[in-house]
N, C-alpha and C. Protein backbone atom coordinates (compact mmCIF):
# COMPACT_ATOMS: atom_id res chain seq x y z
N MET A 1 0.84 -1.19 0.00
CA MET A 1 0.00 0.00 0.00
C MET A 1 0.88 1.25 0.00
N SER A 2 0.50 2.22 -0.80
CA SER A 2 1.27 3.44 -0.93
C SER A 2 1.22 4.29 0.32
N LYS A 3 2.34 4.87 0.67
CA LYS A 3 2.41 5.79 1.79
C LYS A 3 2.37 7.23 1.29
N VAL A 4 2.24 7.42 -0.02
CA VAL A 4 2.15 8.77 -0.60
C VAL A 4 0.72 9.27 -0.47
N VAL A 5 0.56 10.46 0.07
CA VAL A 5 -0.76 11.06 0.26
C VAL A 5 -1.10 11.90 -0.95
N GLU A 6 -2.24 11.59 -1.59
CA GLU A 6 -2.72 12.40 -2.71
C GLU A 6 -3.46 13.62 -2.15
N ILE A 7 -3.06 14.80 -2.58
CA ILE A 7 -3.72 16.03 -2.16
C ILE A 7 -4.57 16.51 -3.33
N ASN A 8 -5.88 16.65 -3.07
CA ASN A 8 -6.82 16.95 -4.15
C ASN A 8 -7.38 18.36 -4.15
N ASN A 9 -7.11 19.15 -3.11
CA ASN A 9 -7.64 20.51 -3.08
C ASN A 9 -6.88 21.35 -2.04
N ASN A 10 -7.20 22.64 -2.00
CA ASN A 10 -6.51 23.56 -1.08
C ASN A 10 -6.73 23.19 0.38
N GLU A 11 -7.91 22.71 0.70
CA GLU A 11 -8.23 22.33 2.08
C GLU A 11 -7.33 21.18 2.53
N GLU A 12 -7.17 20.18 1.68
CA GLU A 12 -6.30 19.05 1.99
C GLU A 12 -4.84 19.50 2.06
N PHE A 13 -4.46 20.48 1.23
CA PHE A 13 -3.10 21.00 1.26
C PHE A 13 -2.82 21.62 2.62
N SER A 14 -3.74 22.44 3.10
CA SER A 14 -3.57 23.07 4.42
C SER A 14 -3.48 22.03 5.52
N LYS A 15 -4.38 21.06 5.46
CA LYS A 15 -4.43 20.01 6.50
C LYS A 15 -3.17 19.15 6.50
N ASN A 16 -2.77 18.67 5.33
CA ASN A 16 -1.67 17.71 5.24
C ASN A 16 -0.28 18.34 5.17
N VAL A 17 -0.18 19.55 4.64
CA VAL A 17 1.14 20.16 4.45
C VAL A 17 1.40 21.28 5.46
N ILE A 18 0.57 22.28 5.43
CA ILE A 18 0.80 23.46 6.28
C ILE A 18 0.68 23.11 7.76
N ASN A 19 -0.26 22.26 8.12
CA ASN A 19 -0.50 21.94 9.53
C ASN A 19 0.17 20.64 9.99
N SER A 20 1.05 20.08 9.18
CA SER A 20 1.71 18.81 9.54
C SER A 20 2.76 19.02 10.63
N GLU A 21 2.81 18.06 11.54
CA GLU A 21 3.86 18.09 12.57
C GLU A 21 5.18 17.58 12.01
N LEU A 22 5.11 16.77 10.96
CA LEU A 22 6.31 16.26 10.29
C LEU A 22 6.70 17.19 9.14
N PRO A 23 7.97 17.18 8.74
CA PRO A 23 8.33 17.84 7.48
C PRO A 23 7.55 17.15 6.35
N VAL A 24 7.23 17.89 5.30
CA VAL A 24 6.42 17.35 4.20
C VAL A 24 7.12 17.58 2.87
N LEU A 25 7.26 16.51 2.09
CA LEU A 25 7.74 16.61 0.71
C LEU A 25 6.51 16.60 -0.18
N VAL A 26 6.36 17.63 -1.02
CA VAL A 26 5.23 17.69 -1.95
C VAL A 26 5.77 17.57 -3.37
N ASP A 27 5.23 16.61 -4.11
CA ASP A 27 5.56 16.41 -5.52
C ASP A 27 4.44 17.04 -6.34
N PHE A 28 4.74 18.18 -6.98
CA PHE A 28 3.78 18.81 -7.90
C PHE A 28 4.01 18.16 -9.25
N TRP A 29 2.97 17.54 -9.82
CA TRP A 29 3.11 16.72 -11.01
C TRP A 29 1.87 16.85 -11.88
N ALA A 30 1.89 16.19 -13.05
CA ALA A 30 0.71 16.10 -13.94
C ALA A 30 0.77 14.75 -14.66
N GLU A 31 -0.40 14.25 -15.00
CA GLU A 31 -0.53 12.94 -15.64
C GLU A 31 0.24 12.86 -16.96
N TRP A 32 0.28 13.95 -17.72
CA TRP A 32 0.90 13.96 -19.05
C TRP A 32 2.42 14.16 -19.02
N CYS A 33 2.99 14.38 -17.84
CA CYS A 33 4.40 14.75 -17.69
C CYS A 33 5.30 13.51 -17.65
N GLY A 34 6.12 13.33 -18.66
CA GLY A 34 7.04 12.19 -18.72
C GLY A 34 8.01 12.14 -17.54
N PRO A 35 8.73 13.24 -17.25
CA PRO A 35 9.64 13.21 -16.11
C PRO A 35 8.92 12.95 -14.77
N CYS A 36 7.67 13.37 -14.67
CA CYS A 36 6.89 13.10 -13.45
C CYS A 36 6.66 11.60 -13.29
N LYS A 37 6.35 10.94 -14.41
CA LYS A 37 6.14 9.48 -14.38
C LYS A 37 7.44 8.75 -14.06
N GLN A 38 8.55 9.29 -14.55
CA GLN A 38 9.86 8.72 -14.28
C GLN A 38 10.19 8.83 -12.79
N LEU A 39 9.80 9.94 -12.17
CA LEU A 39 10.10 10.19 -10.76
C LEU A 39 9.17 9.43 -9.81
N ALA A 40 7.98 9.08 -10.26
CA ALA A 40 6.94 8.49 -9.40
C ALA A 40 7.43 7.28 -8.59
N PRO A 41 8.12 6.30 -9.18
CA PRO A 41 8.57 5.16 -8.36
C PRO A 41 9.55 5.58 -7.26
N LEU A 42 10.36 6.59 -7.53
CA LEU A 42 11.30 7.07 -6.51
C LEU A 42 10.57 7.78 -5.38
N ILE A 43 9.49 8.47 -5.71
CA ILE A 43 8.67 9.13 -4.70
C ILE A 43 8.03 8.08 -3.79
N GLU A 44 7.51 7.01 -4.39
CA GLU A 44 6.92 5.90 -3.62
C GLU A 44 7.96 5.28 -2.69
N GLN A 45 9.13 5.01 -3.22
CA GLN A 45 10.21 4.40 -2.44
C GLN A 45 10.63 5.33 -1.30
N THR A 46 10.72 6.61 -1.58
CA THR A 46 11.09 7.61 -0.57
C THR A 46 10.07 7.65 0.55
N ALA A 47 8.78 7.56 0.20
CA ALA A 47 7.72 7.58 1.21
C ALA A 47 7.89 6.40 2.17
N GLU A 48 8.27 5.25 1.64
CA GLU A 48 8.50 4.07 2.48
C GLU A 48 9.73 4.27 3.37
N GLU A 49 10.81 4.74 2.78
CA GLU A 49 12.07 4.86 3.51
C GLU A 49 12.04 5.93 4.59
N PHE A 50 11.31 7.02 4.35
CA PHE A 50 11.27 8.13 5.29
C PHE A 50 9.99 8.10 6.14
N ASP A 51 9.29 6.98 6.12
CA ASP A 51 8.04 6.84 6.88
C ASP A 51 8.28 7.18 8.35
N GLY A 52 7.45 8.06 8.89
CA GLY A 52 7.59 8.47 10.28
C GLY A 52 8.50 9.67 10.47
N LYS A 53 9.28 10.00 9.43
CA LYS A 53 10.19 11.15 9.50
C LYS A 53 9.72 12.28 8.60
N VAL A 54 9.15 11.91 7.44
CA VAL A 54 8.69 12.87 6.44
C VAL A 54 7.38 12.37 5.86
N LEU A 55 6.40 13.26 5.74
CA LEU A 55 5.17 12.94 5.03
C LEU A 55 5.39 13.25 3.56
N VAL A 56 5.07 12.30 2.69
CA VAL A 56 5.26 12.49 1.25
C VAL A 56 3.89 12.63 0.59
N CYS A 57 3.72 13.72 -0.15
CA CYS A 57 2.43 14.02 -0.80
C CYS A 57 2.64 14.31 -2.28
N LYS A 58 1.57 14.09 -3.04
CA LYS A 58 1.56 14.43 -4.47
C LYS A 58 0.37 15.34 -4.73
N MET A 59 0.57 16.34 -5.59
CA MET A 59 -0.52 17.24 -5.96
C MET A 59 -0.49 17.46 -7.46
N ASP A 60 -1.59 17.11 -8.14
CA ASP A 60 -1.73 17.28 -9.58
C ASP A 60 -1.93 18.76 -9.88
N VAL A 61 -0.99 19.35 -10.63
CA VAL A 61 -1.06 20.79 -10.91
C VAL A 61 -2.22 21.16 -11.82
N ASP A 62 -2.65 20.24 -12.68
CA ASP A 62 -3.79 20.54 -13.56
C ASP A 62 -5.09 20.67 -12.76
N ALA A 63 -5.23 19.86 -11.73
CA ALA A 63 -6.45 19.88 -10.91
C ALA A 63 -6.37 20.92 -9.79
N ASN A 64 -5.17 21.44 -9.55
CA ASN A 64 -4.97 22.37 -8.42
C ASN A 64 -4.11 23.55 -8.85
N ARG A 65 -4.55 24.23 -9.89
CA ARG A 65 -3.76 25.34 -10.46
C ARG A 65 -3.52 26.46 -9.45
N GLU A 66 -4.49 26.72 -8.61
CA GLU A 66 -4.39 27.82 -7.65
C GLU A 66 -3.24 27.60 -6.66
N THR A 67 -3.18 26.41 -6.09
CA THR A 67 -2.11 26.11 -5.13
C THR A 67 -0.76 26.10 -5.83
N ALA A 68 -0.69 25.51 -7.00
CA ALA A 68 0.57 25.49 -7.75
C ALA A 68 1.04 26.91 -8.04
N ALA A 69 0.14 27.77 -8.45
CA ALA A 69 0.49 29.17 -8.74
C ALA A 69 0.92 29.90 -7.47
N GLU A 70 0.26 29.62 -6.36
CA GLU A 70 0.59 30.26 -5.09
C GLU A 70 2.05 30.01 -4.70
N PHE A 71 2.56 28.84 -5.03
CA PHE A 71 3.93 28.49 -4.68
C PHE A 71 4.90 28.64 -5.86
N GLY A 72 4.44 29.27 -6.94
CA GLY A 72 5.32 29.58 -8.06
C GLY A 72 5.76 28.39 -8.88
N VAL A 73 4.95 27.35 -8.91
CA VAL A 73 5.29 26.17 -9.70
C VAL A 73 5.09 26.50 -11.18
N ARG A 74 6.20 26.52 -11.92
CA ARG A 74 6.16 26.85 -13.35
C ARG A 74 6.58 25.68 -14.23
N SER A 75 7.34 24.76 -13.64
CA SER A 75 7.80 23.56 -14.34
C SER A 75 7.52 22.37 -13.45
N ILE A 76 7.28 21.23 -14.08
CA ILE A 76 7.06 20.02 -13.30
C ILE A 76 7.97 18.92 -13.83
N PRO A 77 8.35 17.98 -13.00
CA PRO A 77 8.02 17.92 -11.58
C PRO A 77 8.74 18.99 -10.77
N THR A 78 8.04 19.50 -9.77
CA THR A 78 8.64 20.39 -8.78
C THR A 78 8.44 19.73 -7.42
N LEU A 79 9.52 19.60 -6.69
CA LEU A 79 9.47 19.03 -5.34
C LEU A 79 9.72 20.15 -4.35
N MET A 80 8.86 20.24 -3.34
CA MET A 80 9.02 21.25 -2.30
C MET A 80 8.96 20.57 -0.95
N ILE A 81 9.78 21.07 -0.04
CA ILE A 81 9.76 20.58 1.34
C ILE A 81 9.26 21.71 2.24
N PHE A 82 8.28 21.35 3.06
CA PHE A 82 7.70 22.28 4.03
C PHE A 82 8.01 21.76 5.43
N LYS A 83 8.34 22.69 6.32
CA LYS A 83 8.58 22.33 7.71
C LYS A 83 7.92 23.40 8.57
N ASN A 84 7.09 22.96 9.51
CA ASN A 84 6.32 23.88 10.36
C ASN A 84 5.50 24.86 9.52
N GLY A 85 4.97 24.37 8.40
CA GLY A 85 4.12 25.18 7.54
C GLY A 85 4.85 26.12 6.61
N GLU A 86 6.17 26.14 6.66
CA GLU A 86 6.97 27.05 5.84
C GLU A 86 7.71 26.28 4.75
N LEU A 87 7.77 26.86 3.55
CA LEU A 87 8.54 26.28 2.46
C LEU A 87 10.02 26.46 2.77
N ILE A 88 10.77 25.35 2.80
CA ILE A 88 12.19 25.44 3.14
C ILE A 88 13.11 24.93 2.03
N GLY A 89 12.56 24.36 0.97
CA GLY A 89 13.41 23.87 -0.11
C GLY A 89 12.62 23.51 -1.35
N THR A 90 13.24 23.72 -2.52
CA THR A 90 12.60 23.42 -3.80
C THR A 90 13.62 22.80 -4.74
N GLU A 91 13.20 21.77 -5.44
CA GLU A 91 13.98 21.17 -6.52
C GLU A 91 13.06 21.04 -7.73
N ILE A 92 13.57 21.36 -8.90
CA ILE A 92 12.77 21.27 -10.12
C ILE A 92 13.40 20.25 -11.05
N GLY A 93 12.55 19.38 -11.61
CA GLY A 93 13.01 18.37 -12.54
C GLY A 93 13.13 17.01 -11.88
N ALA A 94 13.31 16.00 -12.71
CA ALA A 94 13.44 14.63 -12.21
C ALA A 94 14.82 14.47 -11.57
N LEU A 95 14.84 13.98 -10.36
CA LEU A 95 16.07 13.77 -9.61
C LEU A 95 16.43 12.29 -9.60
N THR A 96 17.70 12.00 -9.36
CA THR A 96 18.10 10.63 -9.11
C THR A 96 17.69 10.29 -7.68
N LYS A 97 17.70 9.03 -7.33
CA LYS A 97 17.36 8.62 -5.96
C LYS A 97 18.35 9.24 -4.97
N THR A 98 19.61 9.24 -5.31
CA THR A 98 20.64 9.83 -4.44
C THR A 98 20.37 11.31 -4.22
N ASP A 99 20.09 12.04 -5.30
CA ASP A 99 19.82 13.48 -5.20
C ASP A 99 18.56 13.74 -4.38
N LEU A 100 17.55 12.92 -4.57
CA LEU A 100 16.30 13.06 -3.83
C LEU A 100 16.54 12.84 -2.33
N ASP A 101 17.26 11.79 -1.99
CA ASP A 101 17.57 11.50 -0.58
C ASP A 101 18.39 12.64 0.04
N GLU A 102 19.36 13.16 -0.70
CA GLU A 102 20.20 14.25 -0.20
C GLU A 102 19.37 15.52 0.00
N PHE A 103 18.47 15.79 -0.94
CA PHE A 103 17.59 16.97 -0.84
C PHE A 103 16.76 16.90 0.45
N ILE A 104 16.16 15.75 0.68
CA ILE A 104 15.30 15.58 1.88
C ILE A 104 16.16 15.64 3.14
N SER A 105 17.23 14.88 3.16
CA SER A 105 18.07 14.81 4.37
C SER A 105 18.66 16.17 4.73
N SER A 106 18.96 16.99 3.75
CA SER A 106 19.54 18.31 4.03
C SER A 106 18.53 19.28 4.62
N LYS A 107 17.24 18.96 4.50
CA LYS A 107 16.19 19.88 4.97
C LYS A 107 15.50 19.43 6.24
N ILE A 108 15.65 18.17 6.60
CA ILE A 108 14.98 17.70 7.82
C ILE A 108 15.99 17.56 8.89
């Protein structure tokens, strides 16, 4: 079973990301995005490996344009880390597993 939380609207974003007690990795993605599909298995693996340390979420930018625009998402995939409700890190583009792990570890 996937440990990645799908965020479907602004209300869920506030609940799961802004109000989370854990640091949160958000993957802004879209169904048609090739690099997003390439990154998806790594996001799933990361959710398993960082379980209990980081909440991993995905948000479809096509279905949630307002939230994506609010955080300046212009290219996808965009990965953002939030801690205590604040944006503390951003990576754009498909990352390797090593780069993804380093990005998360450097922020938590």
